[in-house]
Amino acid sequence: MVRVLSGSILAGLLSLAAVAGCASSASVRAAEAGRFDELRRALSDELRRGALDSDDARAIARALAAGEIARAKPPSGVARLRELRTCARPLEEALAERAAGTDAVATAAAMILLEAGLIDPESARRHAREAAPGRDPGRDAALRALETRALVAAEDGALRRARMLDGDQEVRLAALRAAIAAADSSDRGAVLEAARLDPYPLARTIAIRAAGALGGREVVLALRDLWVLSDEPGRDAIADAWAAPRALDAGGRAQLLWAISTQRGAPAIAAARGLVRAGGDGAGEAISVLLDAIRTSQSRDRVYAVRSAPLEDPAVRAALIEAQSDPDEAVVFAVHARHVDAPPGVVTERERAAAVAWLMKLASGHSTRAVLARGVLARAGVRAAVPLLERDLRSREIPVREAAGTGLVELGEIPRAAPLLADADPQVRLTVACAILGAS
């Protein structure tokens, strides 16, 4: 574990030496310095000569991300660092050096390291309390959020619960996330109060998750009362909370059975999904609810039910085959995506081949659903999608380029995705860099 908060010059020198040692190409140097026109030319030349392999692309991605971290400035730099949360481990050294700074970006780097388990809560709290004064007005709130997120010890309970009522929503979110990590039964009342009254929808959802993780009959019954006051996303979250291990046998199963018998739409489907995953009493009734939703609900709920129904069940497989001829393309898309993604042996080779053929035909187009189809095929390892994804590297649409890069990485075509490391948009650059660094 790196002690990132010391500001060690030696750690930075070692990081630079590691990058320089694994690759000293013009692409790595340009990536680290943020010279993207130069990087674009170098990558093009290396690809043309066949001189760029996956290890080279990883070195470039690491240098690119490290440079972006070092140069990030508030306020935009905070959001930019958050793009890198999923690949914090390979960027630990760069995040450590940035965390030693005195602005909100430095605090964001420390938060990423904490949530990735790369620093311990006590180190994060010490950093938040001892941080030198800076000139960034957003930093004080960020430091309080960092300190709050680290309140996971038994003796932190009173302060953690007090912070759930803080005037800053980021501090409240941090307190609720800390409650999930702490798993302290004394938090039940506070998280239920946040689930009911917090003005920020995301905070209410996280509070419901925290309550479900704590479980117990008090939580189960309180969430039943909250159900009446909640919107559809809130009811979905409550259904998931009832299905949590510590809630399920404390009355959660009974509430899920009540939901599938009295409710309609997404909340009923969420409850049915929870019962199916839990197994045991009510699973059969839950499958019947999902089958009815696949056949009779509105489009959005039918898609949700298709994604939630267990393919191992013969009646579900029959319903999905029937739905392949449905006039609603969204439903048909969801069915074929399930068949392509299914584990070996769950669907027949003929069913999977038919799904691949349907998705390939759709994927050749330019619609939003065609982009999604290319993503499904890439995740399923269908190599016929490679030329379509390469075509998307030149798209004018940011989400299309981003999806193309991640899709090529998922298919093992890391060098083909590398040109996006020089993309004009930082989100595309960092998303693809993270995908490359996370690829095995």
Foldseek 3Di string as FASTA:
>chain_A
DDLLQPLDPVLVVVVVCVLCVQDVDQLLVCLLQVVLVSNLVRLVVCVVVVNDDLSNLLSSLQSNVLNLLVPQDPDVSLVLVVLQLLQCVVNVSSLSNLLNDAEQSVLSSLQSCDVVVNDALVSLLVCLVPPDHDDYPVNVVSSLLSNLLSQQDPVSVVVLLVQCPDPDVSSVQSSLNSLQNNLDLVCQVSLLCQLQDPPDVVSVLSSLQSNLSNAALVSLVSLVVCCVVDDLVSLLSNLVSLLRPRHVVRCSVVVLLVCLVPHDAPSVLSSLLSDCVSDDPPVVVSLVSLLCQCPDNPDVRVLSSLVRHDLQDPVNVVSLVVCCPPPDVSNVLSSLLCLLPPDPPSDDPVSVVVSLVVLVVLLVDDDPVVLVSLLSCLLSLNCVSLVSLLVQCPDPDLVSNLSSLLSCVSNVNNSSSSSQCSPPDSSSNNSSSSSSSPRD
